[in-house]
Amino acid sequence: MAKLGRELRAQGVDLVDLSLGEPDFDTPEHIKEAAKAAIDDNWSHYTPVAGYLDLREAICGKFRRDNSLEYTPDQIIVSTGAKHSLANAVLAVINKGDEVIIPTPFWVTYEALVNLAEGTVVKIPGSIDNDYKITPEQLEAAITPKTRLFMFSSPCNPSGAVYSRKELEGLAEVFRRHPNVLVISDEIYEYINYCNCMESIAQFEWMKDRTIIINGLSKGFAMTGWRLGYLAAPKEIAKACEKLQGQFTSGTNAITQRAAITALTAPLDATKAMVAEFARRRARVLELMAEVPGFRFSKPDGAFYAFPCVDHYFGKRDGDEVIENASDLAMYLLNKAHVNTVTGSAFGDPQCLRLSFANSMENIEKGFARIKEALAKLQ
C-alpha cells in the first residue's frame, strides 16, 4: 500500500495517508545533539556484537525505572531495530516443527519469522468484543506438546489493545502449568499508552526466566530511521542471539548507540508531549469512526492505530467494483477516495482495516471525510 501510495503521489494525486506505521514527529533535539557529539568524538569503529556496555547498562536502568525488572548487561542484546531483535529471538529458539502461538490480529512479521524458522504458526483469534485480547481459556486450548513459543504485543499493532496486569496474570497462570513454553513480549509501543497501565508479563516471578522482551527506540522516541532495537532475555537465549547476530550483521551502528544512551536516560518530556498529541488525535478518530455507518470498533488503549471491523461493506458494489473483503475495500479507498489504509488481512484479520492517526489532525479529518463519501457510494 505504501508503494501504491507513492506511485499515486508521483502522478500528482492528493493522497491522505492513514497507513503510516511511524510517529509523524522529529527525533527530539537532545538525542540529535548526542549523535552529533558522537560523530565529533569519533565513535566510528566496529561495535561489540551485543552493543556497547554502557548502553546495555542504560537499558537495564530503563527496565528498572519503567518496569521494576532487574536485568544484567549480559541479558541484553542491542540490534538493528526491534524487528532484528525479533528475528534473533525466533531463530534462536524455534526449530522445525515447533508450534508458535500467535493471537490475532498480530504484526505481520511474526508469522513470517516463524515460517523462516520452519516453525508452525497456531493462531488464536482475538475478538473485537474483548478488545482483540485473548482469554486464558483460549490459550490453554491452543497449547499442545509441540508448543514452544507464544508471541504477542502489548500495546498491540494493529489493534491498540493493552493487556492489564490482571489479564496478563491470567495468561501467566496458564504458562505456569506449561513450563516448556517460552514467551516473546513485544513492548515496542510501551510509551504510547493512554491508560497508564503498561504491564509486562515478565513481572511475574515464574515468567521472567522464560520471557524475551522486545523493545526499541523507534516509536517512543520517534527514531524509526535510526534503527535500534533491543531484547532482554535469559542469559542462554541472549547468548544464542548474540551468536546469530554476530554472523548476520555484527554490532549495531555506533552513532545510534551513543544517541540511544541519551534517549534512555534523559527525562521523557518530549515523549510525553508526543503521546499527549496522539491522545488528542485518538479522541477525534473515535468520534469520526462513530460517524461512519457500519464501522464496528474497540477503543485503542495504546499505539497510534484504529482497527475497525468493516465487514458491513462486504458484498456491496460501486458499479462493476465489488467489495469481497478488507483488501478490496483498502484498494477501493485508495483509488476512489485517495486515502491509504492497510488491510487487516496483513495482520491476520481479514474483516478489518488499520487506520493510523500518526498524521496531522487536518489530514485525519480530511481522510475520514473522503472515506465516508466513498463508502456512501457502495450499495
Protein backbone atom coordinates (compact mmCIF):
# COMPACT_ATOMS: atom_id res chain seq x y z
CA MET A 1 0.00 0.00 0.00
CA ALA A 2 2.88 2.36 0.74
CA LYS A 3 4.31 1.63 -2.71
CA LEU A 4 0.96 2.23 -4.42
CA GLY A 5 0.52 5.42 -2.44
CA ARG A 6 3.90 6.71 -3.57
CA GLU A 7 3.01 5.93 -7.16
CA LEU A 8 -0.23 7.92 -6.91
CA ARG A 9 1.59 10.85 -5.33
CA ALA A 10 4.12 10.76 -8.17
CA GLN A 11 1.17 11.18 -10.55
CA GLY A 12 0.12 14.32 -8.68
CA VAL A 13 -2.73 12.77 -6.67
CA ASP A 14 -3.59 14.48 -3.37
CA LEU A 15 -3.34 11.41 -1.15
CA VAL A 16 -4.18 11.21 2.55
CA ASP A 17 -2.00 8.56 4.14
CA LEU A 18 -3.58 6.74 7.08
CA SER A 19 -1.26 3.75 6.66
CA LEU A 20 1.78 5.21 8.43
CA GLY A 21 3.46 2.93 10.95
CA GLU A 22 5.75 5.54 12.46
CA PRO A 23 5.37 8.72 14.51
CA ASP A 24 4.99 11.86 12.41
CA PHE A 25 7.34 13.68 14.79
CA ASP A 26 11.02 14.50 14.52
CA THR A 27 13.58 12.98 16.84
CA PRO A 28 13.96 15.17 19.96
CA GLU A 29 16.78 17.72 19.82
CA HIS A 30 18.74 16.40 22.80
CA ILE A 31 19.02 12.99 21.12
CA LYS A 32 20.18 14.52 17.85
CA GLU A 33 22.77 16.57 19.73
CA ALA A 34 24.09 13.40 21.36
CA ALA A 35 24.52 11.83 17.92
CA LYS A 36 26.38 14.89 16.62
CA ALA A 37 28.69 14.76 19.61
CA ALA A 38 29.34 11.07 18.98
CA ILE A 39 30.44 11.86 15.42
CA ASP A 40 32.76 14.60 16.64
CA ASP A 41 34.13 12.27 19.31
CA ASN A 42 34.97 9.68 16.63
CA TRP A 43 32.65 6.86 17.62
CA SER A 44 33.29 5.42 14.17
CA HIS A 45 34.66 1.91 14.68
CA TYR A 46 33.14 -1.55 14.85
CA THR A 47 30.90 -2.00 17.85
CA PRO A 48 30.55 -5.04 20.15
CA VAL A 49 28.04 -7.52 18.76
CA ALA A 50 25.76 -7.22 21.78
CA GLY A 51 26.08 -3.43 21.96
CA TYR A 52 28.22 -1.03 23.97
CA LEU A 53 28.36 -1.98 27.64
CA ASP A 54 27.23 1.43 28.86
CA LEU A 55 24.23 1.30 26.52
CA ARG A 56 23.27 -2.13 27.83
CA GLU A 57 23.63 -0.75 31.34
CA ALA A 58 21.32 2.12 30.38
CA ILE A 59 18.78 -0.40 29.06
CA CYS A 60 18.96 -2.26 32.36
CA GLY A 61 18.32 1.06 34.08
CA LYS A 62 15.31 1.67 31.87
CA PHE A 63 13.83 -1.71 32.82
CA ARG A 64 14.44 -0.92 36.48
CA ARG A 65 12.89 2.55 36.21
CA ASP A 66 9.89 1.80 34.00
CA ASN A 67 9.09 -1.87 34.63
CA SER A 68 10.58 -2.74 38.05
CA LEU A 69 12.52 -5.52 36.32
CA GLU A 70 16.12 -6.40 37.09
CA TYR A 71 18.44 -7.41 34.26
CA THR A 72 22.20 -7.56 33.86
CA PRO A 73 24.03 -6.37 30.73
CA ASP A 74 24.74 -9.93 29.61
CA GLN A 75 20.99 -10.44 29.25
CA ILE A 76 20.66 -7.53 26.80
CA ILE A 77 21.30 -7.68 23.05
CA VAL A 78 21.20 -4.46 21.01
CA SER A 79 20.16 -4.92 17.39
CA THR A 80 19.37 -3.01 14.21
CA GLY A 81 15.75 -2.35 15.11
CA ALA A 82 13.14 -4.29 17.08
CA LYS A 83 12.40 -6.40 14.00
CA HIS A 84 16.01 -7.58 14.08
CA SER A 85 15.62 -8.40 17.77
CA LEU A 86 12.50 -10.43 16.99
CA ALA A 87 14.31 -12.30 14.24
CA ASN A 88 17.20 -13.12 16.56
CA ALA A 89 14.83 -14.43 19.22
CA VAL A 90 12.67 -16.56 16.93
CA LEU A 91 15.62 -18.08 15.08
CA ALA A 92 17.38 -18.79 18.38
CA VAL A 93 14.54 -20.77 19.97
CA ILE A 94 12.42 -22.28 17.16
CA ASN A 95 13.27 -25.50 15.36
CA LYS A 96 11.46 -27.19 12.50
CA GLY A 97 8.01 -28.34 13.56
CA ASP A 98 7.84 -26.32 16.77
CA GLU A 99 4.46 -24.68 17.28
CA VAL A 100 4.25 -20.95 17.92
CA ILE A 101 1.01 -19.49 19.25
CA ILE A 102 0.18 -16.00 17.99
CA PRO A 103 -3.02 -14.14 18.91
CA THR A 104 -4.72 -12.33 16.05
CA PRO A 105 -4.52 -9.60 14.99
CA PHE A 106 -0.72 -9.52 15.04
CA TRP A 107 2.10 -7.59 13.48
CA VAL A 108 2.83 -9.03 10.04
CA THR A 109 6.43 -10.01 10.75
CA TYR A 110 5.57 -12.52 13.49
CA GLU A 111 4.18 -15.14 11.13
CA ALA A 112 6.90 -14.55 8.54
CA LEU A 113 9.66 -15.12 11.09
CA VAL A 114 8.11 -18.35 12.33
CA ASN A 115 7.87 -19.58 8.74
CA LEU A 116 11.50 -18.63 8.19
CA ALA A 117 12.46 -20.73 11.24
CA GLU A 118 10.36 -23.62 9.85
CA GLY A 119 8.01 -23.48 12.79
CA THR A 120 4.24 -23.89 12.69
CA VAL A 121 2.00 -20.93 13.44
CA VAL A 122 -1.05 -21.55 15.63
CA LYS A 123 -3.41 -18.56 15.62
CA ILE A 124 -5.81 -17.63 18.40
CA PRO A 125 -8.46 -15.14 17.24
CA GLY A 126 -8.86 -12.08 19.40
CA SER A 127 -12.44 -10.84 19.50
CA ILE A 128 -13.48 -7.23 18.96
CA ASP A 129 -15.89 -7.78 21.87
CA ASN A 130 -12.85 -8.40 24.10
CA ASP A 131 -10.84 -5.52 22.60
CA TYR A 132 -8.92 -8.04 20.45
CA LYS A 133 -7.37 -9.70 23.52
CA ILE A 134 -7.40 -13.44 24.13
CA THR A 135 -8.53 -15.25 27.26
CA PRO A 136 -6.67 -17.79 29.41
CA GLU A 137 -9.17 -20.41 28.25
CA GLN A 138 -8.30 -19.80 24.62
CA LEU A 139 -4.60 -20.01 25.41
CA GLU A 140 -4.96 -23.25 27.35
CA ALA A 141 -6.89 -24.85 24.49
CA ALA A 142 -4.18 -23.92 21.95
CA ILE A 143 -1.20 -25.36 23.82
CA THR A 144 -0.01 -28.82 22.72
CA PRO A 145 3.10 -30.90 23.45
CA LYS A 146 4.67 -29.24 20.38
CA THR A 147 4.13 -25.68 21.63
CA ARG A 148 7.46 -23.93 22.09
CA LEU A 149 6.64 -20.22 21.97
CA PHE A 150 3.89 -17.65 22.48
CA MET A 151 4.32 -14.28 20.70
CA PHE A 152 2.27 -11.17 21.33
CA SER A 153 2.46 -7.40 21.61
CA SER A 154 1.04 -5.05 24.21
CA PRO A 155 0.29 -2.32 23.23
CA CYS A 156 -0.65 -4.12 20.04
CA ASN A 157 -0.01 -3.22 16.44
CA PRO A 158 -2.57 -3.12 14.77
CA SER A 159 -5.40 -3.12 17.32
CA GLY A 160 -4.04 -0.82 20.02
CA ALA A 161 -5.03 -3.40 22.66
CA VAL A 162 -3.21 -3.18 26.00
CA TYR A 163 -3.28 -6.06 28.46
CA SER A 164 -3.88 -5.14 32.10
CA ARG A 165 -1.96 -6.72 34.96
CA LYS A 166 -4.95 -8.93 35.77
CA GLU A 167 -5.26 -10.09 32.17
CA LEU A 168 -1.55 -10.87 31.93
CA GLU A 169 -1.68 -12.73 35.22
CA GLY A 170 -4.44 -14.93 33.80
CA LEU A 171 -2.22 -15.84 30.84
CA ALA A 172 0.79 -16.29 33.11
CA GLU A 173 -1.12 -18.79 35.24
CA VAL A 174 -1.67 -20.89 32.12
CA PHE A 175 2.04 -20.78 31.34
CA ARG A 176 2.79 -21.84 34.92
CA ARG A 177 1.19 -25.18 34.01
CA HIS A 178 3.26 -25.44 30.81
CA PRO A 179 6.89 -24.77 31.82
CA ASN A 180 8.35 -25.60 28.40
CA VAL A 181 6.63 -22.72 26.63
CA LEU A 182 8.64 -19.53 26.11
CA VAL A 183 7.11 -16.09 25.59
CA ILE A 184 8.10 -13.20 23.35
CA SER A 185 6.58 -9.98 24.67
CA ASP A 186 6.82 -7.21 22.09
CA GLU A 187 6.70 -3.93 24.04
CA ILE A 188 7.86 -1.53 21.32
CA TYR A 189 4.78 0.72 21.85
CA GLU A 190 5.30 0.81 25.61
CA TYR A 191 5.37 4.60 25.94
CA ILE A 192 2.45 5.21 23.58
CA ASN A 193 -0.10 4.17 26.14
CA TYR A 194 -3.30 6.03 27.06
CA CYS A 195 -4.45 4.06 30.11
CA ASN A 196 -1.40 4.36 32.38
CA CYS A 197 -1.42 0.59 32.74
CA MET A 198 1.71 -0.60 30.95
CA GLU A 199 2.45 -4.02 32.35
CA SER A 200 4.87 -6.74 31.28
CA ILE A 201 4.23 -10.45 31.58
CA ALA A 202 7.84 -10.75 32.76
CA GLN A 203 6.84 -9.17 36.09
CA PHE A 204 5.53 -12.50 37.38
CA GLU A 205 8.33 -14.38 39.07
CA TRP A 206 7.71 -17.66 37.27
CA MET A 207 7.69 -15.89 33.88
CA LYS A 208 10.82 -13.72 33.87
CA ASP A 209 13.23 -16.59 33.16
CA ARG A 210 11.20 -17.73 30.15
CA THR A 211 10.23 -14.36 28.66
CA ILE A 212 12.04 -12.46 25.92
CA ILE A 213 11.14 -8.78 25.95
CA ILE A 214 11.46 -6.88 22.67
CA ASN A 215 11.72 -3.10 22.69
CA GLY A 216 13.47 -0.26 20.90
CA LEU A 217 13.62 3.45 20.18
CA SER A 218 11.53 3.77 17.03
CA LYS A 219 8.07 4.52 18.42
CA GLY A 220 8.54 6.13 21.82
CA PHE A 221 11.37 8.41 20.69
CA ALA A 222 10.39 8.99 17.03
CA MET A 223 13.60 7.30 15.88
CA THR A 224 12.38 4.86 13.23
CA GLY A 225 15.19 5.62 10.79
CA TRP A 226 17.90 5.33 13.44
CA ARG A 227 17.36 1.55 13.58
CA LEU A 228 17.96 0.45 17.15
CA GLY A 229 16.09 -2.26 19.00
CA TYR A 230 16.98 -4.46 21.91
CA LEU A 231 15.90 -7.57 23.73
CA ALA A 232 16.13 -8.75 27.31
CA ALA A 233 16.21 -12.50 27.80
CA PRO A 234 17.50 -15.34 29.94
CA LYS A 235 21.28 -15.49 29.60
CA GLU A 236 21.40 -18.64 27.48
CA ILE A 237 18.93 -17.19 24.98
CA ALA A 238 20.73 -13.84 24.91
CA LYS A 239 23.97 -15.70 24.21
CA ALA A 240 22.36 -17.57 21.31
CA CYS A 241 21.00 -14.30 19.89
CA GLU A 242 24.46 -12.76 20.12
CA LYS A 243 25.92 -15.68 18.14
CA LEU A 244 23.29 -15.30 15.43
CA GLN A 245 23.72 -11.56 15.19
CA GLY A 246 27.48 -11.93 15.03
CA GLN A 247 27.12 -13.78 11.73
CA PHE A 248 24.24 -11.77 10.22
CA THR A 249 25.03 -8.13 10.95
CA SER A 250 27.57 -7.89 13.78
CA GLY A 251 27.22 -4.81 16.00
CA THR A 252 24.67 -2.01 15.57
CA ASN A 253 25.51 1.48 14.32
CA ALA A 254 27.88 3.26 16.69
CA ILE A 255 26.36 6.74 16.42
CA THR A 256 22.84 5.47 17.06
CA GLN A 257 24.04 3.57 20.11
CA ARG A 258 25.59 6.69 21.65
CA ALA A 259 22.41 8.65 20.98
CA ALA A 260 20.37 5.82 22.47
CA ILE A 261 22.09 6.24 25.83
CA THR A 262 20.82 9.80 25.97
CA ALA A 263 17.34 8.77 24.85
CA LEU A 264 17.04 6.14 27.55
CA THR A 265 18.49 8.13 30.43
CA ALA A 266 17.19 11.67 29.83
CA PRO A 267 13.76 12.88 31.03
CA LEU A 268 10.87 11.73 28.84
CA ASP A 269 9.31 15.18 28.34
CA ALA A 270 9.40 15.03 24.52
CA THR A 271 7.91 11.54 24.50
CA LYS A 272 5.12 12.61 26.85
CA ALA A 273 4.31 15.61 24.67
CA MET A 274 4.12 13.39 21.59
CA VAL A 275 1.84 10.91 23.34
CA ALA A 276 -0.42 13.74 24.50
CA GLU A 277 -0.88 14.77 20.89
CA PHE A 278 -1.59 11.17 19.87
CA ALA A 279 -4.22 11.03 22.63
CA ARG A 280 -5.88 14.16 21.25
CA ARG A 281 -5.98 12.64 17.77
CA ARG A 282 -7.25 9.32 19.10
CA ALA A 283 -10.21 11.06 20.71
CA ARG A 284 -11.07 12.69 17.39
CA VAL A 285 -10.63 9.45 15.44
CA LEU A 286 -13.06 7.69 17.78
CA GLU A 287 -15.61 10.44 17.07
CA LEU A 288 -15.03 10.20 13.33
CA MET A 289 -15.31 6.40 13.24
CA ALA A 290 -18.60 6.60 15.13
CA GLU A 291 -19.93 8.71 12.25
CA VAL A 292 -19.09 6.08 9.60
CA PRO A 293 -22.09 3.78 9.01
CA GLY A 294 -21.24 0.12 9.55
CA PHE A 295 -17.90 0.60 11.31
CA ARG A 296 -17.54 -1.51 14.46
CA PHE A 297 -14.52 -0.83 16.64
CA SER A 298 -12.96 -1.02 20.06
CA LYS A 299 -11.14 1.81 21.79
CA PRO A 300 -7.37 1.52 21.27
CA ASP A 301 -5.57 1.91 24.60
CA GLY A 302 -2.12 2.15 23.04
CA ALA A 303 -0.13 2.67 19.82
CA PHE A 304 -1.50 5.04 17.17
CA TYR A 305 -3.90 2.90 15.19
CA ALA A 306 -7.61 2.27 14.97
CA PHE A 307 -8.71 -1.16 13.76
CA PRO A 308 -12.39 -1.06 12.75
CA CYS A 309 -14.27 -4.10 11.54
CA VAL A 310 -15.59 -3.24 8.07
CA ASP A 311 -17.45 -6.42 7.09
CA HIS A 312 -20.65 -4.34 6.78
CA TYR A 313 -19.39 -3.39 3.31
CA PHE A 314 -18.56 -6.90 2.08
CA GLY A 315 -20.72 -7.85 -0.88
CA LYS A 316 -21.53 -4.23 -1.72
CA ARG A 317 -20.61 -2.66 -5.05
CA ASP A 318 -19.87 0.60 -6.77
CA GLY A 319 -20.71 -0.03 -10.41
CA ASP A 320 -18.74 -3.08 -11.51
CA GLU A 321 -16.45 -3.00 -8.47
CA VAL A 322 -17.47 -5.48 -5.76
CA ILE A 323 -16.04 -5.44 -2.23
CA GLU A 324 -15.39 -9.02 -1.15
CA ASN A 325 -13.03 -8.40 1.78
CA ALA A 326 -10.92 -5.81 3.60
CA SER A 327 -8.22 -5.93 0.94
CA ASP A 328 -10.77 -4.97 -1.71
CA LEU A 329 -12.01 -2.16 0.50
CA ALA A 330 -8.49 -0.84 1.10
CA MET A 331 -7.89 -0.72 -2.67
CA TYR A 332 -11.28 0.90 -3.23
CA LEU A 333 -10.50 3.66 -0.72
CA LEU A 334 -7.06 4.17 -2.24
CA ASN A 335 -8.32 4.51 -5.79
CA LYS A 336 -11.70 6.20 -5.21
CA ALA A 337 -11.13 8.25 -2.04
CA HIS A 338 -7.36 8.66 -2.37
CA VAL A 339 -6.94 7.53 1.23
CA ASN A 340 -4.25 4.99 2.01
CA THR A 341 -5.10 2.38 4.67
CA VAL A 342 -3.85 -1.14 5.41
CA THR A 343 -5.93 -4.27 5.05
CA GLY A 344 -6.46 -6.32 8.18
CA SER A 345 -5.57 -9.41 6.18
CA ALA A 346 -1.93 -8.42 6.63
CA PHE A 347 -2.43 -8.73 10.39
CA GLY A 348 -4.38 -11.96 10.43
CA ASP A 349 -7.87 -10.40 10.50
CA PRO A 350 -9.43 -10.06 7.02
CA GLN A 351 -12.51 -8.24 8.35
CA CYS A 352 -10.70 -5.10 9.46
CA LEU A 353 -8.73 -2.08 8.25
CA ARG A 354 -5.85 -0.46 10.09
CA LEU A 355 -6.13 3.33 10.19
CA SER A 356 -3.16 5.24 11.55
CA PHE A 357 -3.52 8.54 13.37
CA ALA A 358 0.19 9.27 13.05
CA ASN A 359 -0.78 12.19 10.84
CA SER A 360 -1.95 15.76 11.34
CA MET A 361 -5.45 16.44 12.63
CA GLU A 362 -6.20 18.22 9.36
CA ASN A 363 -5.27 15.16 7.31
CA ILE A 364 -7.10 12.80 9.64
CA GLU A 365 -10.33 14.79 9.27
CA LYS A 366 -9.84 15.12 5.52
CA GLY A 367 -9.22 11.39 5.22
CA PHE A 368 -12.34 10.39 7.15
CA ALA A 369 -14.48 12.82 5.14
CA ARG A 370 -13.27 11.13 1.96
CA ILE A 371 -13.83 7.66 3.44
CA LYS A 372 -17.43 8.48 4.36
CA GLU A 373 -18.09 9.91 0.90
CA ALA A 374 -16.63 6.87 -0.88
CA LEU A 375 -18.36 4.32 1.34
CA ALA A 376 -21.73 6.02 0.74
CA LYS A 377 -21.41 5.02 -2.93
CA LEU A 378 -21.29 1.31 -2.07
CA GLN A 379 -24.73 -0.28 -2.46
